[in-house]
Amino acid sequence: MSVGKFLSGLIVGTAVGGVIGILLAPQSGEETREFISEKSEEMYKNTEDSLKELQGKANDVIEDIQKKGDELLVKIQDLIKEKMEV
């Protein structure tokens, strides 16, 4: 499963669950609007935190791939040098 699909599912599931919860809650309109506002801010912050964490992990993976690619390039260059000396 890709990260994009997971995040999309998470966001849609959270939104649907929130809407159902709001519709079934016995509150006044003003209380409901306040609740929606609070939950929207909370969801935005959680999403922002998750994206920052995901970006950090992606950067770590990219750095690792670059390092391994550099190591492979050095090995290939060494092999080419070795073959040319023979």
PDB file of N, CA and C in Angstrom:
ATOM      1  N   MET A   1       0.849  -1.170   0.000  1.00  0.00           N
ATOM      2  CA  MET A   1       0.000   0.000   0.000  1.00  0.00           C
ATOM      3  C   MET A   1       0.891   1.229   0.000  1.00  0.00           C
ATOM      4  N   SER A   2       0.585   2.180  -0.865  1.00  0.00           N
ATOM      5  CA  SER A   2       1.397   3.385  -0.919  1.00  0.00           C
ATOM      6  C   SER A   2       1.024   4.333   0.211  1.00  0.00           C
ATOM      7  N   VAL A   3       1.956   5.183   0.548  1.00  0.00           N
ATOM      8  CA  VAL A   3       1.743   6.150   1.628  1.00  0.00           C
ATOM      9  C   VAL A   3       0.634   7.123   1.251  1.00  0.00           C
ATOM     10  N   GLY A   4       0.590   7.517  -0.020  1.00  0.00           N
ATOM     11  CA  GLY A   4      -0.444   8.446  -0.486  1.00  0.00           C
ATOM     12  C   GLY A   4      -1.843   7.880  -0.318  1.00  0.00           C
ATOM     13  N   LYS A   5      -2.000   6.602  -0.656  1.00  0.00           N
ATOM     14  CA  LYS A   5      -3.307   5.962  -0.497  1.00  0.00           C
ATOM     15  C   LYS A   5      -3.684   5.859   0.978  1.00  0.00           C
ATOM     16  N   PHE A   6      -2.684   5.540   1.807  1.00  0.00           N
ATOM     17  CA  PHE A   6      -2.946   5.433   3.242  1.00  0.00           C
ATOM     18  C   PHE A   6      -3.392   6.774   3.802  1.00  0.00           C
ATOM     19  N   LEU A   7      -2.662   7.841   3.466  1.00  0.00           N
ATOM     20  CA  LEU A   7      -3.022   9.168   3.975  1.00  0.00           C
ATOM     21  C   LEU A   7      -4.398   9.604   3.465  1.00  0.00           C
ATOM     22  N   SER A   8      -4.685   9.313   2.213  1.00  0.00           N
ATOM     23  CA  SER A   8      -6.000   9.651   1.657  1.00  0.00           C
ATOM     24  C   SER A   8      -7.100   8.918   2.413  1.00  0.00           C
ATOM     25  N   GLY A   9      -6.896   7.640   2.650  1.00  0.00           N
ATOM     26  CA  GLY A   9      -7.877   6.851   3.399  1.00  0.00           C
ATOM     27  C   GLY A   9      -8.041   7.358   4.814  1.00  0.00           C
ATOM     28  N   LEU A  10      -6.933   7.732   5.427  1.00  0.00           N
ATOM     29  CA  LEU A  10      -6.976   8.260   6.792  1.00  0.00           C
ATOM     30  C   LEU A  10      -7.778   9.558   6.847  1.00  0.00           C
ATOM     31  N   ILE A  11      -7.533  10.439   5.911  1.00  0.00           N
ATOM     32  CA  ILE A  11      -8.231  11.723   5.893  1.00  0.00           C
ATOM     33  C   ILE A  11      -9.716  11.527   5.619  1.00  0.00           C
ATOM     34  N   VAL A  12     -10.049  10.699   4.632  1.00  0.00           N
ATOM     35  CA  VAL A  12     -11.456  10.459   4.305  1.00  0.00           C
ATOM     36  C   VAL A  12     -12.170   9.767   5.468  1.00  0.00           C
ATOM     37  N   GLY A  13     -11.525   8.783   6.062  1.00  0.00           N
ATOM     38  CA  GLY A  13     -12.130   8.078   7.200  1.00  0.00           C
ATOM     39  C   GLY A  13     -12.371   9.005   8.378  1.00  0.00           C
ATOM     40  N   THR A  14     -11.404   9.874   8.647  1.00  0.00           N
ATOM     41  CA  THR A  14     -11.560  10.837   9.736  1.00  0.00           C
ATOM     42  C   THR A  14     -12.710  11.792   9.451  1.00  0.00           C
ATOM     43  N   ALA A  15     -12.789  12.257   8.222  1.00  0.00           N
ATOM     44  CA  ALA A  15     -13.852  13.192   7.849  1.00  0.00           C
ATOM     45  C   ALA A  15     -15.231  12.534   7.961  1.00  0.00           C
ATOM     46  N   VAL A  16     -15.358  11.331   7.436  1.00  0.00           N
ATOM     47  CA  VAL A  16     -16.646  10.630   7.478  1.00  0.00           C
ATOM     48  C   VAL A  16     -17.050  10.337   8.924  1.00  0.00           C
ATOM     49  N   GLY A  17     -16.097   9.868   9.711  1.00  0.00           N
ATOM     50  CA  GLY A  17     -16.393   9.597  11.121  1.00  0.00           C
ATOM     51  C   GLY A  17     -16.793  10.856  11.860  1.00  0.00           C
ATOM     52  N   GLY A  18     -16.123  11.940  11.566  1.00  0.00           N
ATOM     53  CA  GLY A  18     -16.459  13.215  12.202  1.00  0.00           C
ATOM     54  C   GLY A  18     -17.854  13.687  11.848  1.00  0.00           C
ATOM     55  N   VAL A  19     -18.198  13.603  10.584  1.00  0.00           N
ATOM     56  CA  VAL A  19     -19.529  14.033  10.132  1.00  0.00           C
ATOM     57  C   VAL A  19     -20.618  13.183  10.786  1.00  0.00           C
ATOM     58  N   ILE A  20     -20.416  11.885  10.814  1.00  0.00           N
ATOM     59  CA  ILE A  20     -21.409  10.995  11.437  1.00  0.00           C
ATOM     60  C   ILE A  20     -21.557  11.319  12.921  1.00  0.00           C
ATOM     61  N   GLY A  21     -20.427  11.528  13.585  1.00  0.00           N
ATOM     62  CA  GLY A  21     -20.465  11.873  15.004  1.00  0.00           C
ATOM     63  C   GLY A  21     -21.199  13.175  15.263  1.00  0.00           C
ATOM     64  N   ILE A  22     -20.975  14.149  14.417  1.00  0.00           N
ATOM     65  CA  ILE A  22     -21.633  15.450  14.574  1.00  0.00           C
ATOM     66  C   ILE A  22     -23.135  15.325  14.349  1.00  0.00           C
ATOM     67  N   LEU A  23     -23.511  14.580  13.316  1.00  0.00           N
ATOM     68  CA  LEU A  23     -24.931  14.447  12.990  1.00  0.00           C
ATOM     69  C   LEU A  23     -25.713  13.693  14.067  1.00  0.00           C
ATOM     70  N   LEU A  24     -25.042  12.794  14.750  1.00  0.00           N
ATOM     71  CA  LEU A  24     -25.732  11.993  15.758  1.00  0.00           C
ATOM     72  C   LEU A  24     -25.662  12.601  17.162  1.00  0.00           C
ATOM     73  N   ALA A  25     -24.873  13.636  17.330  1.00  0.00           N
ATOM     74  CA  ALA A  25     -24.705  14.249  18.648  1.00  0.00           C
ATOM     75  C   ALA A  25     -25.860  15.196  18.964  1.00  0.00           C
ATOM     76  N   PRO A  26     -26.398  15.114  20.181  1.00  0.00           N
ATOM     77  CA  PRO A  26     -27.510  16.007  20.566  1.00  0.00           C
ATOM     78  C   PRO A  26     -26.976  17.351  21.099  1.00  0.00           C
ATOM     79  N   GLN A  27     -26.568  18.225  20.164  1.00  0.00           N
ATOM     80  CA  GLN A  27     -26.037  19.534  20.543  1.00  0.00           C
ATOM     81  C   GLN A  27     -26.776  20.623  19.785  1.00  0.00           C
ATOM     82  N   SER A  28     -26.640  21.845  20.310  1.00  0.00           N
ATOM     83  CA  SER A  28     -27.225  22.990  19.605  1.00  0.00           C
ATOM     84  C   SER A  28     -26.349  23.330  18.403  1.00  0.00           C
ATOM     85  N   GLY A  29     -26.865  24.170  17.534  1.00  0.00           N
ATOM     86  CA  GLY A  29     -26.109  24.583  16.342  1.00  0.00           C
ATOM     87  C   GLY A  29     -24.810  25.277  16.696  1.00  0.00           C
ATOM     88  N   GLU A  30     -24.856  26.147  17.711  1.00  0.00           N
ATOM     89  CA  GLU A  30     -23.656  26.864  18.119  1.00  0.00           C
ATOM     90  C   GLU A  30     -22.599  25.905  18.673  1.00  0.00           C
ATOM     91  N   GLU A  31     -23.031  24.963  19.493  1.00  0.00           N
ATOM     92  CA  GLU A  31     -22.100  23.973  20.037  1.00  0.00           C
ATOM     93  C   GLU A  31     -21.508  23.115  18.924  1.00  0.00           C
ATOM     94  N   THR A  32     -22.341  22.777  17.959  1.00  0.00           N
ATOM     95  CA  THR A  32     -21.886  21.958  16.839  1.00  0.00           C
ATOM     96  C   THR A  32     -20.843  22.710  16.017  1.00  0.00           C
ATOM     97  N   ARG A  33     -21.098  23.996  15.737  1.00  0.00           N
ATOM     98  CA  ARG A  33     -20.142  24.797  14.975  1.00  0.00           C
ATOM     99  C   ARG A  33     -18.811  24.919  15.731  1.00  0.00           C
ATOM    100  N   GLU A  34     -18.868  25.115  17.031  1.00  0.00           N
ATOM    101  CA  GLU A  34     -17.658  25.203  17.842  1.00  0.00           C
ATOM    102  C   GLU A  34     -16.899  23.871  17.810  1.00  0.00           C
ATOM    103  N   PHE A  35     -17.652  22.796  17.922  1.00  0.00           N
ATOM    104  CA  PHE A  35     -17.053  21.465  17.874  1.00  0.00           C
ATOM    105  C   PHE A  35     -16.364  21.236  16.529  1.00  0.00           C
ATOM    106  N   ILE A  36     -17.044  21.601  15.442  1.00  0.00           N
ATOM    107  CA  ILE A  36     -16.477  21.445  14.098  1.00  0.00           C
ATOM    108  C   ILE A  36     -15.199  22.261  13.966  1.00  0.00           C
ATOM    109  N   SER A  37     -15.228  23.480  14.473  1.00  0.00           N
ATOM    110  CA  SER A  37     -14.052  24.346  14.391  1.00  0.00           C
ATOM    111  C   SER A  37     -12.876  23.739  15.154  1.00  0.00           C
ATOM    112  N   GLU A  38     -13.127  23.268  16.364  1.00  0.00           N
ATOM    113  CA  GLU A  38     -12.063  22.667  17.172  1.00  0.00           C
ATOM    114  C   GLU A  38     -11.490  21.416  16.503  1.00  0.00           C
ATOM    115  N   LYS A  39     -12.369  20.576  16.004  1.00  0.00           N
ATOM    116  CA  LYS A  39     -11.919  19.327  15.384  1.00  0.00           C
ATOM    117  C   LYS A  39     -11.182  19.595  14.077  1.00  0.00           C
ATOM    118  N   SER A  40     -11.607  20.619  13.345  1.00  0.00           N
ATOM    119  CA  SER A  40     -10.921  20.972  12.102  1.00  0.00           C
ATOM    120  C   SER A  40      -9.499  21.423  12.388  1.00  0.00           C
ATOM    121  N   GLU A  41      -9.332  22.256  13.415  1.00  0.00           N
ATOM    122  CA  GLU A  41      -7.999  22.714  13.793  1.00  0.00           C
ATOM    123  C   GLU A  41      -7.136  21.540  14.256  1.00  0.00           C
ATOM    124  N   GLU A  42      -7.738  20.645  15.031  1.00  0.00           N
ATOM    125  CA  GLU A  42      -7.018  19.472  15.527  1.00  0.00           C
ATOM    126  C   GLU A  42      -6.582  18.574  14.372  1.00  0.00           C
ATOM    127  N   MET A  43      -7.489  18.350  13.425  1.00  0.00           N
ATOM    128  CA  MET A  43      -7.184  17.512  12.282  1.00  0.00           C
ATOM    129  C   MET A  43      -6.085  18.157  11.428  1.00  0.00           C
ATOM    130  N   TYR A  44      -6.138  19.465  11.252  1.00  0.00           N
ATOM    131  CA  TYR A  44      -5.113  20.175  10.478  1.00  0.00           C
ATOM    132  C   TYR A  44      -3.753  19.996  11.139  1.00  0.00           C
ATOM    133  N   LYS A  45      -3.694  20.170  12.455  1.00  0.00           N
ATOM    134  CA  LYS A  45      -2.426  20.040  13.181  1.00  0.00           C
ATOM    135  C   LYS A  45      -1.903  18.610  13.085  1.00  0.00           C
ATOM    136  N   ASN A  46      -2.779  17.632  13.269  1.00  0.00           N
ATOM    137  CA  ASN A  46      -2.360  16.226  13.175  1.00  0.00           C
ATOM    138  C   ASN A  46      -1.847  15.892  11.778  1.00  0.00           C
ATOM    139  N   THR A  47      -2.534  16.406  10.768  1.00  0.00           N
ATOM    140  CA  THR A  47      -2.117  16.154   9.392  1.00  0.00           C
ATOM    141  C   THR A  47      -0.768  16.808   9.123  1.00  0.00           C
ATOM    142  N   GLU A  48      -0.611  18.029   9.610  1.00  0.00           N
ATOM    143  CA  GLU A  48       0.650  18.745   9.426  1.00  0.00           C
ATOM    144  C   GLU A  48       1.804  17.995  10.107  1.00  0.00           C
ATOM    145  N   ASP A  49       1.569  17.523  11.335  1.00  0.00           N
ATOM    146  CA  ASP A  49       2.586  16.757  12.053  1.00  0.00           C
ATOM    147  C   ASP A  49       2.923  15.461  11.316  1.00  0.00           C
ATOM    148  N   SER A  50       1.898  14.777  10.810  1.00  0.00           N
ATOM    149  CA  SER A  50       2.122  13.523  10.080  1.00  0.00           C
ATOM    150  C   SER A  50       2.922  13.767   8.806  1.00  0.00           C
ATOM    151  N   LEU A  51       2.612  14.857   8.115  1.00  0.00           N
ATOM    152  CA  LEU A  51       3.337  15.166   6.883  1.00  0.00           C
ATOM    153  C   LEU A  51       4.789  15.519   7.169  1.00  0.00           C
ATOM    154  N   LYS A  52       5.047  16.235   8.257  1.00  0.00           N
ATOM    155  CA  LYS A  52       6.427  16.561   8.626  1.00  0.00           C
ATOM    156  C   LYS A  52       7.200  15.281   8.945  1.00  0.00           C
ATOM    157  N   GLU A  53       6.566  14.375   9.681  1.00  0.00           N
ATOM    158  CA  GLU A  53       7.208  13.104  10.014  1.00  0.00           C
ATOM    159  C   GLU A  53       7.479  12.291   8.752  1.00  0.00           C
ATOM    160  N   LEU A  54       6.496  12.249   7.864  1.00  0.00           N
ATOM    161  CA  LEU A  54       6.648  11.517   6.611  1.00  0.00           C
ATOM    162  C   LEU A  54       7.758  12.125   5.763  1.00  0.00           C
ATOM    163  N   GLN A  55       7.836  13.449   5.726  1.00  0.00           N
ATOM    164  CA  GLN A  55       8.880  14.119   4.959  1.00  0.00           C
ATOM    165  C   GLN A  55      10.258  13.784   5.526  1.00  0.00           C
ATOM    166  N   GLY A  56      10.379  13.755   6.851  1.00  0.00           N
ATOM    167  CA  GLY A  56      11.642  13.387   7.478  1.00  0.00           C
ATOM    168  C   GLY A  56      12.058  11.972   7.120  1.00  0.00           C
ATOM    169  N   LYS A  57      11.102  11.055   7.161  1.00  0.00           N
ATOM    170  CA  LYS A  57      11.404   9.665   6.806  1.00  0.00           C
ATOM    171  C   LYS A  57      11.795   9.550   5.333  1.00  0.00           C
ATOM    172  N   ALA A  58      11.094  10.274   4.478  1.00  0.00           N
ATOM    173  CA  ALA A  58      11.411  10.243   3.047  1.00  0.00           C
ATOM    174  C   ALA A  58      12.817  10.787   2.804  1.00  0.00           C
ATOM    175  N   ASN A  59      13.171  11.856   3.502  1.00  0.00           N
ATOM    176  CA  ASN A  59      14.519  12.412   3.362  1.00  0.00           C
ATOM    177  C   ASN A  59      15.579  11.409   3.800  1.00  0.00           C
ATOM    178  N   ASP A  60      15.307  10.689   4.887  1.00  0.00           N
ATOM    179  CA  ASP A  60      16.240   9.666   5.357  1.00  0.00           C
ATOM    180  C   ASP A  60      16.424   8.567   4.310  1.00  0.00           C
ATOM    181  N   VAL A  61      15.325   8.139   3.705  1.00  0.00           N
ATOM    182  CA  VAL A  61      15.387   7.090   2.678  1.00  0.00           C
ATOM    183  C   VAL A  61      16.167   7.599   1.467  1.00  0.00           C
ATOM    184  N   ILE A  62      15.914   8.827   1.063  1.00  0.00           N
ATOM    185  CA  ILE A  62      16.622   9.396  -0.097  1.00  0.00           C
ATOM    186  C   ILE A  62      18.116   9.483   0.181  1.00  0.00           C
ATOM    187  N   GLU A  63      18.479   9.935   1.379  1.00  0.00           N
ATOM    188  CA  GLU A  63      19.900  10.011   1.735  1.00  0.00           C
ATOM    189  C   GLU A  63      20.551   8.630   1.705  1.00  0.00           C
ATOM    190  N   ASP A  64      19.837   7.639   2.211  1.00  0.00           N
ATOM    191  CA  ASP A  64      20.358   6.271   2.221  1.00  0.00           C
ATOM    192  C   ASP A  64      20.560   5.759   0.796  1.00  0.00           C
ATOM    193  N   ILE A  65      19.593   6.027  -0.067  1.00  0.00           N
ATOM    194  CA  ILE A  65      19.696   5.593  -1.465  1.00  0.00           C
ATOM    195  C   ILE A  65      20.871   6.284  -2.149  1.00  0.00           C
ATOM    196  N   GLN A  66      21.041   7.579  -1.888  1.00  0.00           N
ATOM    197  CA  GLN A  66      22.156   8.315  -2.493  1.00  0.00           C
ATOM    198  C   GLN A  66      23.497   7.755  -2.016  1.00  0.00           C
ATOM    199  N   LYS A  67      23.581   7.456  -0.727  1.00  0.00           N
ATOM    200  CA  LYS A  67      24.818   6.911  -0.167  1.00  0.00           C
ATOM    201  C   LYS A  67      25.148   5.563  -0.810  1.00  0.00           C
ATOM    202  N   LYS A  68      24.140   4.702  -0.918  1.00  0.00           N
ATOM    203  CA  LYS A  68      24.361   3.388  -1.522  1.00  0.00           C
ATOM    204  C   LYS A  68      24.715   3.517  -3.000  1.00  0.00           C
ATOM    205  N   GLY A  69      24.087   4.479  -3.676  1.00  0.00           N
ATOM    206  CA  GLY A  69      24.410   4.722  -5.082  1.00  0.00           C
ATOM    207  C   GLY A  69      25.850   5.195  -5.247  1.00  0.00           C
ATOM    208  N   ASP A  70      26.290   6.076  -4.359  1.00  0.00           N
ATOM    209  CA  ASP A  70      27.683   6.544  -4.407  1.00  0.00           C
ATOM    210  C   ASP A  70      28.651   5.385  -4.162  1.00  0.00           C
ATOM    211  N   GLU A  71      28.333   4.535  -3.184  1.00  0.00           N
ATOM    212  CA  GLU A  71      29.183   3.385  -2.898  1.00  0.00           C
ATOM    213  C   GLU A  71      29.249   2.440  -4.098  1.00  0.00           C
ATOM    214  N   LEU A  72      28.123   2.229  -4.751  1.00  0.00           N
ATOM    215  CA  LEU A  72      28.081   1.361  -5.926  1.00  0.00           C
ATOM    216  C   LEU A  72      28.898   1.962  -7.066  1.00  0.00           C
ATOM    217  N   LEU A  73      28.806   3.268  -7.244  1.00  0.00           N
ATOM    218  CA  LEU A  73      29.564   3.944  -8.295  1.00  0.00           C
ATOM    219  C   LEU A  73      31.066   3.775  -8.067  1.00  0.00           C
ATOM    220  N   VAL A  74      31.507   3.929  -6.827  1.00  0.00           N
ATOM    221  CA  VAL A  74      32.923   3.743  -6.503  1.00  0.00           C
ATOM    222  C   VAL A  74      33.344   2.308  -6.811  1.00  0.00           C
ATOM    223  N   LYS A  75      32.529   1.333  -6.459  1.00  0.00           N
ATOM    224  CA  LYS A  75      32.866  -0.073  -6.736  1.00  0.00           C
ATOM    225  C   LYS A  75      32.965  -0.324  -8.242  1.00  0.00           C
ATOM    226  N   ILE A  76      32.046   0.248  -8.988  1.00  0.00           N
ATOM    227  CA  ILE A  76      32.066   0.066 -10.445  1.00  0.00           C
ATOM    228  C   ILE A  76      33.314   0.713 -11.036  1.00  0.00           C
ATOM    229  N   GLN A  77      33.638   1.917 -10.569  1.00  0.00           N
ATOM    230  CA  GLN A  77      34.844   2.587 -11.067  1.00  0.00           C
ATOM    231  C   GLN A  77      36.097   1.783 -10.732  1.00  0.00           C
ATOM    232  N   ASP A  78      36.144   1.212  -9.528  1.00  0.00           N
ATOM    233  CA  ASP A  78      37.285   0.382  -9.143  1.00  0.00           C
ATOM    234  C   ASP A  78      37.385  -0.847 -10.040  1.00  0.00           C
ATOM    235  N   LEU A  79      36.253  -1.475 -10.343  1.00  0.00           N
ATOM    236  CA  LEU A  79      36.263  -2.649 -11.221  1.00  0.00           C
ATOM    237  C   LEU A  79      36.732  -2.289 -12.626  1.00  0.00           C
ATOM    238  N   ILE A  80      36.282  -1.139 -13.103  1.00  0.00           N
ATOM    239  CA  ILE A  80      36.696  -0.712 -14.446  1.00  0.00           C
ATOM    240  C   ILE A  80      38.199  -0.452 -14.477  1.00  0.00           C
ATOM    241  N   LYS A  81      38.715   0.223 -13.453  1.00  0.00           N
ATOM    242  CA  LYS A  81      40.147   0.482 -13.346  1.00  0.00           C
ATOM    243  C   LYS A  81      40.918  -0.828 -13.322  1.00  0.00           C
ATOM    244  N   GLU A  82      40.432  -1.755 -12.531  1.00  0.00           N
ATOM    245  CA  GLU A  82      41.083  -3.054 -12.387  1.00  0.00           C
ATOM    246  C   GLU A  82      41.138  -3.788 -13.728  1.00  0.00           C
ATOM    247  N   LYS A  83      40.041  -3.764 -14.478  1.00  0.00           N
ATOM    248  CA  LYS A  83      39.986  -4.466 -15.768  1.00  0.00           C
ATOM    249  C   LYS A  83      40.877  -3.793 -16.808  1.00  0.00           C
ATOM    250  N   MET A  84      41.023  -2.473 -16.717  1.00  0.00           N
ATOM    251  CA  MET A  84      41.825  -1.755 -17.692  1.00  0.00           C
ATOM    252  C   MET A  84      43.316  -1.979 -17.423  1.00  0.00           C
ATOM    253  N   GLU A  85      43.673  -2.280 -16.188  1.00  0.00           N
ATOM    254  CA  GLU A  85      45.067  -2.519 -15.848  1.00  0.00           C
ATOM    255  C   GLU A  85      45.527  -3.905 -16.279  1.00  0.00           C
ATOM    256  N   VAL A  86      44.599  -4.801 -16.486  1.00  0.00           N
ATOM    257  CA  VAL A  86      44.948  -6.181 -16.844  1.00  0.00           C
ATOM    258  C   VAL A  86      45.330  -6.319 -18.280  1.00  0.00           C
TER     259      VAL A  86
END
